[in-house]
Structure formats: C-alpha cells, structure tokens
Amino acid sequence: MILRAFGPVILIGCGALCASPSNKIVIDRAVISQSEDGPAALVDEKFVPGETIYFSVSISGYAVHEREEQRSIMFSYSMDAKDPTGTLLVPTEAGKVVTDVEKEDKNWMPRVRWSFVVPPIAVSGICHISITINDELGKSTATREISFAVAGHAIELSDKLAIRNVRFLRDENDRVPLTVAAYRPGDTLWVRFDMTGYQLGEKNKLDVEYGISILRANGESMYAQPHAAVEEGASFYPKRYIPGMFSINIPKDLKAAGYVLVVSVEDRIGKQSQQGRWNFQVE
C-alpha cells in the first residue's frame, strides 16, 4: 500500500465515515533510530552534531471515508525538533497524507517518517521531537513527544563575548591538548579555542573577527596577525559558539624563553570586544 503526500486536498462528496464519532486518531508508536526503519535507539544512546536522525510514527484510530467503491483516509501532520533551550533545530516539517484502503486493511496502521541532520554546532543536552496528527475526516487530533540526547562540544555559554577552551596542541588533528604548553624551536604551534556570547542579528546573522599576536615576556610584540579570520553569515539554527584555530611556525633560531599568546575577538553586530592571554614556553 502506498501513501501519497500532498499539499491541500479536498474530498468532494458526502460519503459515510467508517468510524464512530467517539473514535479518535492515535499515535501508537514513535521511534527514533540511526537508520531508516532501523531499531529504536537505546535510552542512553547519544547522537552527535552532524548525525542524521530518523523518526517515524504509526497511526491508528483514523476515520475512513467511504464513497461508492472507494475507501480513503486523510490526515495532516506537523513535526518539530527542538534543542534543550526550546530552539528549533531544523524547520518545521508538515504535510498531508491521503491514501486508499481496502476493507481487509481495517487494522492497517499508516506510518509517517521524517529524517533531519542535527546542526553541526548544536548544543549538548536533551532534545525533543513533537508531532501533531490531525484527522481531517474524523476531526480528532493526537500529539506525541519523544526525547533524544545530543552529545556535542562541551562549552560554557555566555551572555557576553567570551573566549573559551583555549587548547595548545602538538598537531592539527590532536584531540587532547598539551598538559604543559611547551614547544621546541622549529615546531608548529597549534591552538584551538571557542568564541561565544556574541550577538546575533536578523536570521541569526553573526559577524565575528579574531586576531592573534605573540609577545615576549617583557611585553614586546614579536608576531601579529590582527585580522586572522572572520566568521560571518546567517543560519536557521543559531550558532551559539564559533570554533577558532590557527598555527604558527616557531623559528628554528628562536630563543628558549616564555612567551604570551594574545587572542583578540570583536563582535561587530554586538559592538563588543574581548581579549585573552595565555602563556607558553619554548625550550
């Protein structure tokens, strides 16, 4: 049996409904999985930003429209997925389903399916999918909510511009930062950090720039890149933090000593700036 999803649909005629007025549409089963029509995710299973979530529900209790030899059902649906703050992860999914049913299919339960990608910079925590089904013939409504966990990047958000999670690394692909930020002449210094607390404009537009510099212990500047990178643009899901990364080749003849990394961030929309300093050693 094939379901047909449409825009607005009107059934002409006043055929009988094969359901008593007391019948109400029911969402019998709601499943979140990691693959289409796959097994339900475990209670403690966590999804990660960038992963696809597959959601499906089974419907029963719907009214059946009978006219001559034709028996059909019609219902509309609306689905939302929200992060722990109640913010939509992706646009609302809505539609209408119309299909014919045979008399022997009186116990058949149609299914509604939806898949979406968790935004790459989604915040961690418990998220929720909610669905509303409206039986267009039986004039009844059913709702259901199901939760899932997202394990994203760990970051302390801020209501003011802030630089978080500065990590000195030995290599670009390192996931574990150096316990002691120490390098040798000729090494490449890699640094990752996060920016948060900037203001968003219309349609979640952001415009953030950062610069970097290296100071000697006496405060003398020995390297500066004031406009290292700019992050700008708009997105449906608000980016509550921006990851930053840069590398600096340490000269082979650089004197062994202590140095200071300075990161300067400017929020052009919120008209705010922030600067942080971190020590590292060349041995």
Protein backbone atom coordinates (compact mmCIF):
# COMPACT_ATOMS: atom_id res chain seq x y z
CA MET A 1 0.00 0.00 0.00
CA ILE A 2 1.38 3.40 -0.99
CA LEU A 3 0.91 6.59 0.97
CA ARG A 4 0.52 9.76 -1.04
CA ALA A 5 1.68 13.03 0.50
CA PHE A 6 0.03 16.17 -0.90
CA GLY A 7 -0.44 19.84 -0.41
CA PRO A 8 -4.03 20.90 0.39
CA VAL A 9 -6.54 18.19 -0.63
CA ILE A 10 -10.35 18.43 -0.81
CA LEU A 11 -12.61 15.37 -0.98
CA ILE A 12 -15.78 16.10 -2.94
CA GLY A 13 -18.99 14.44 -1.82
CA CYS A 14 -20.54 13.46 1.48
CA GLY A 15 -19.84 9.78 1.77
CA ALA A 16 -20.10 7.91 5.05
CA LEU A 17 -17.33 7.72 7.59
CA CYS A 18 -16.40 4.24 8.67
CA ALA A 19 -15.75 5.32 12.25
CA SER A 20 -18.00 6.32 15.11
CA PRO A 21 -17.86 9.90 16.41
CA SER A 22 -16.12 8.60 19.53
CA ASN A 23 -13.17 7.27 17.54
CA LYS A 24 -10.04 9.40 17.81
CA ILE A 25 -6.81 9.23 15.88
CA VAL A 26 -3.94 7.75 17.91
CA ILE A 27 -0.15 7.85 17.60
CA ASP A 28 0.59 4.25 18.57
CA ARG A 29 4.36 4.09 18.26
CA ALA A 30 7.07 6.72 17.96
CA VAL A 31 10.62 5.62 17.14
CA ILE A 32 13.94 7.44 16.84
CA SER A 33 16.72 5.49 15.16
CA GLN A 34 20.10 5.91 13.49
CA SER A 35 18.98 4.43 10.17
CA GLU A 36 15.80 4.46 8.12
CA ASP A 37 13.31 1.99 9.63
CA GLY A 38 16.11 0.80 11.91
CA PRO A 39 15.77 -0.37 15.52
CA ALA A 40 14.82 2.17 18.14
CA ALA A 41 17.78 3.97 19.69
CA LEU A 42 18.64 2.85 23.19
CA VAL A 43 17.56 5.03 26.10
CA ASP A 44 21.15 6.05 26.90
CA GLU A 45 22.21 6.41 23.25
CA LYS A 46 23.55 9.81 22.25
CA PHE A 47 23.57 11.46 18.85
CA VAL A 48 26.31 13.82 17.73
CA PRO A 49 26.13 17.09 15.78
CA GLY A 50 26.09 16.37 12.05
CA GLU A 51 24.41 12.97 12.50
CA THR A 52 21.13 12.10 10.76
CA ILE A 53 18.16 11.25 12.96
CA TYR A 54 15.36 9.06 11.61
CA PHE A 55 11.93 9.44 13.19
CA SER A 56 8.72 7.54 12.48
CA VAL A 57 5.28 7.08 14.00
CA SER A 58 2.43 4.61 13.42
CA ILE A 59 -1.14 5.90 13.24
CA SER A 60 -4.42 4.21 14.23
CA GLY A 61 -7.94 5.28 15.16
CA TYR A 62 -8.37 7.28 11.95
CA ALA A 63 -11.73 7.75 10.23
CA VAL A 64 -12.35 6.14 6.83
CA HIS A 65 -14.24 7.93 4.06
CA GLU A 66 -16.50 5.65 2.02
CA ARG A 67 -17.95 6.72 -1.31
CA GLU A 68 -19.18 4.13 -3.78
CA GLU A 69 -16.37 1.58 -4.03
CA GLN A 70 -13.66 3.88 -2.72
CA ARG A 71 -12.44 3.91 0.88
CA SER A 72 -9.84 6.52 1.83
CA ILE A 73 -8.22 8.24 4.79
CA MET A 74 -6.78 11.72 5.09
CA PHE A 75 -4.72 13.29 7.84
CA SER A 76 -2.27 16.16 8.18
CA TYR A 77 0.79 16.32 10.39
CA SER A 78 3.30 18.76 11.84
CA MET A 79 6.65 17.85 13.42
CA ASP A 80 9.20 19.90 15.33
CA ALA A 81 12.65 19.10 16.74
CA LYS A 82 13.95 21.39 19.48
CA ASP A 83 17.21 21.63 21.40
CA PRO A 84 17.44 21.83 25.24
CA THR A 85 16.69 25.58 25.14
CA GLY A 86 13.50 25.06 23.12
CA THR A 87 15.06 26.36 19.89
CA LEU A 88 14.12 24.64 16.63
CA LEU A 89 16.98 22.52 15.31
CA VAL A 90 15.56 22.49 11.78
CA PRO A 91 12.47 23.98 10.08
CA THR A 92 9.09 22.50 11.00
CA GLU A 93 8.11 19.52 8.87
CA ALA A 94 4.46 19.50 7.78
CA GLY A 95 2.34 17.72 5.22
CA LYS A 96 -0.82 15.82 4.41
CA VAL A 97 -1.32 12.13 3.68
CA VAL A 98 -4.14 10.71 1.56
CA THR A 99 -4.40 7.04 0.65
CA ASP A 100 -6.96 4.42 -0.29
CA VAL A 101 -7.61 1.47 1.99
CA GLU A 102 -9.18 -1.90 1.35
CA LYS A 103 -11.79 -3.44 3.63
CA GLU A 104 -9.33 -6.14 4.68
CA ASP A 105 -6.91 -3.41 5.79
CA LYS A 106 -9.11 -2.23 8.65
CA ASN A 107 -6.29 -2.84 11.17
CA TRP A 108 -3.61 -1.29 8.97
CA MET A 109 -1.54 1.46 10.60
CA PRO A 110 -0.02 4.03 8.23
CA ARG A 111 3.36 5.49 9.12
CA VAL A 112 4.80 8.98 8.93
CA ARG A 113 8.57 9.25 8.53
CA TRP A 114 10.95 12.17 8.94
CA SER A 115 14.73 12.48 8.86
CA PHE A 116 16.91 15.50 9.61
CA VAL A 117 20.52 16.32 10.37
CA VAL A 118 21.48 17.60 13.80
CA PRO A 119 23.13 21.02 13.20
CA PRO A 120 26.94 20.78 13.31
CA ILE A 121 27.13 23.26 16.20
CA ALA A 122 24.10 22.09 18.19
CA VAL A 123 24.36 22.45 21.96
CA SER A 124 24.54 19.35 24.13
CA GLY A 125 21.63 18.05 26.19
CA ILE A 126 18.18 16.51 25.93
CA CYS A 127 16.32 17.44 22.75
CA HIS A 128 12.69 16.78 21.87
CA ILE A 129 10.70 15.80 18.79
CA SER A 130 7.00 16.62 18.92
CA ILE A 131 4.37 15.58 16.41
CA THR A 132 0.74 16.56 15.95
CA ILE A 133 -1.60 14.50 13.77
CA ASN A 134 -4.95 15.93 12.63
CA ASP A 135 -7.55 13.53 11.26
CA GLU A 136 -9.18 15.66 8.55
CA LEU A 137 -12.19 13.31 8.31
CA GLY A 138 -12.75 12.29 11.92
CA LYS A 139 -11.96 15.77 13.25
CA SER A 140 -9.68 14.48 16.01
CA THR A 141 -6.12 15.31 16.98
CA ALA A 142 -3.27 13.38 18.59
CA THR A 143 0.09 14.61 19.87
CA ARG A 144 3.24 12.85 20.97
CA GLU A 145 6.70 13.89 22.19
CA ILE A 146 9.86 11.82 22.31
CA SER A 147 13.29 12.77 23.63
CA PHE A 148 16.83 12.11 22.46
CA ALA A 149 20.26 13.17 23.72
CA VAL A 150 22.87 15.12 21.79
CA ALA A 151 26.50 14.95 22.88
CA GLY A 152 28.07 17.98 21.31
CA HIS A 153 31.11 20.07 22.04
CA ALA A 154 31.46 20.92 25.74
CA ILE A 155 31.41 24.67 26.19
CA GLU A 156 30.24 27.10 28.84
CA LEU A 157 27.98 29.56 27.04
CA SER A 158 27.95 33.23 27.97
CA ASP A 159 25.64 36.24 27.61
CA LYS A 160 28.69 38.43 26.94
CA LEU A 161 31.52 37.96 24.44
CA ALA A 162 33.95 35.39 25.83
CA ILE A 163 36.87 33.21 24.74
CA ARG A 164 36.60 29.64 25.99
CA ASN A 165 38.50 26.35 25.88
CA VAL A 166 41.90 27.55 24.66
CA ARG A 167 43.93 24.41 23.86
CA PHE A 168 47.58 24.23 22.86
CA LEU A 169 48.18 21.27 20.55
CA ARG A 170 51.13 19.48 19.04
CA ASP A 171 49.31 18.65 15.80
CA GLU A 172 46.27 19.91 13.90
CA ASN A 173 44.31 16.70 14.46
CA ASP A 174 45.10 16.27 18.15
CA ARG A 175 42.02 15.96 20.34
CA VAL A 176 43.83 16.02 23.68
CA PRO A 177 45.55 19.33 24.49
CA LEU A 178 49.09 19.55 25.86
CA THR A 179 49.28 19.29 29.61
CA VAL A 180 52.18 21.74 29.51
CA ALA A 181 52.22 24.25 26.64
CA ALA A 182 55.87 23.74 25.69
CA TYR A 183 57.45 23.65 22.22
CA ARG A 184 60.87 23.49 20.63
CA PRO A 185 62.38 25.84 18.02
CA GLY A 186 61.21 24.67 14.60
CA ASP A 187 57.93 23.20 15.92
CA THR A 188 54.49 24.27 14.75
CA LEU A 189 52.32 25.72 17.48
CA TRP A 190 48.66 24.75 17.04
CA VAL A 191 45.88 26.39 19.03
CA ARG A 192 42.12 25.77 19.13
CA PHE A 193 39.61 27.86 21.04
CA ASP A 194 35.92 28.77 21.11
CA MET A 195 34.12 32.11 20.93
CA THR A 196 30.68 32.64 22.49
CA GLY A 197 28.47 35.40 23.86
CA TYR A 198 28.36 37.43 20.61
CA GLN A 199 25.04 38.88 19.50
CA LEU A 200 23.06 37.58 16.56
CA GLY A 201 21.27 39.74 14.04
CA GLU A 202 18.28 39.08 11.80
CA LYS A 203 18.00 35.44 10.68
CA ASN A 204 20.70 34.52 13.22
CA LYS A 205 23.30 36.52 11.35
CA LEU A 206 26.71 36.76 13.02
CA ASP A 207 29.83 38.78 12.26
CA VAL A 208 32.83 37.95 14.42
CA GLU A 209 36.51 38.56 13.74
CA TYR A 210 39.56 37.47 15.70
CA GLY A 211 43.25 38.34 15.63
CA ILE A 212 46.31 36.85 17.27
CA SER A 213 49.71 38.08 18.43
CA ILE A 214 52.75 36.74 20.27
CA LEU A 215 54.54 38.75 22.94
CA ARG A 216 57.87 38.28 24.62
CA ALA A 217 57.86 38.07 28.40
CA ASN A 218 58.65 41.80 28.59
CA GLY A 219 55.53 42.65 26.54
CA GLU A 220 57.38 43.32 23.28
CA SER A 221 55.39 42.19 20.22
CA MET A 222 57.22 39.66 18.04
CA TYR A 223 54.34 38.49 15.83
CA ALA A 224 50.92 39.93 14.99
CA GLN A 225 48.06 38.98 12.73
CA PRO A 226 45.25 41.38 13.76
CA HIS A 227 42.78 40.07 11.16
CA ALA A 228 43.42 36.35 11.34
CA ALA A 229 39.89 35.20 10.45
CA VAL A 230 36.30 36.38 10.10
CA GLU A 231 33.19 34.29 10.74
CA GLU A 232 30.04 35.77 9.24
CA GLY A 233 26.76 34.68 7.73
CA ALA A 234 23.28 33.56 8.71
CA SER A 235 21.75 30.17 9.50
CA PHE A 236 18.40 28.70 10.52
CA TYR A 237 19.80 27.27 13.75
CA PRO A 238 21.59 29.92 15.84
CA LYS A 239 25.31 29.31 16.25
CA ARG A 240 25.88 29.83 19.96
CA TYR A 241 29.62 29.34 19.66
CA ILE A 242 32.27 29.51 16.95
CA PRO A 243 35.38 27.33 16.93
CA GLY A 244 38.65 29.04 16.09
CA MET A 245 42.00 27.52 15.09
CA PHE A 246 45.38 28.76 13.93
CA SER A 247 49.01 27.64 13.71
CA ILE A 248 52.34 29.46 13.94
CA ASN A 249 55.70 28.12 12.81
CA ILE A 250 58.24 28.71 15.58
CA PRO A 251 61.55 29.95 14.10
CA LYS A 252 64.42 27.49 14.47
CA ASP A 253 66.61 30.20 15.96
CA LEU A 254 64.02 31.47 18.47
CA LYS A 255 65.47 31.89 21.93
CA ALA A 256 64.25 29.47 24.59
CA ALA A 257 62.03 31.51 26.89
CA GLY A 258 58.48 32.14 28.00
CA TYR A 259 56.05 33.80 25.58
CA VAL A 260 52.48 35.07 25.65
CA LEU A 261 49.72 34.27 23.18
CA VAL A 262 47.13 37.04 22.81
CA VAL A 263 43.74 36.34 21.17
CA SER A 264 41.52 39.35 20.41
CA VAL A 265 37.87 38.89 19.38
CA GLU A 266 35.47 41.51 18.01
CA ASP A 267 31.70 41.12 17.75
CA ARG A 268 30.73 43.58 15.01
CA ILE A 269 26.98 43.18 15.49
CA GLY A 270 27.00 43.45 19.28
CA LYS A 271 29.71 46.14 19.29
CA GLN A 272 31.76 44.31 21.89
CA SER A 273 35.32 43.03 22.07
CA GLN A 274 37.29 40.64 24.25
CA GLN A 275 40.95 39.75 24.68
CA GLY A 276 42.68 36.89 26.44
CA ARG A 277 46.30 35.97 27.22
CA TRP A 278 47.88 32.56 27.68
CA ASN A 279 51.49 31.63 28.42
CA PHE A 280 53.53 29.03 26.57
CA GLN A 281 57.14 28.00 26.63
CA VAL A 282 59.82 27.48 24.00
CA GLU A 283 62.51 25.17 25.36
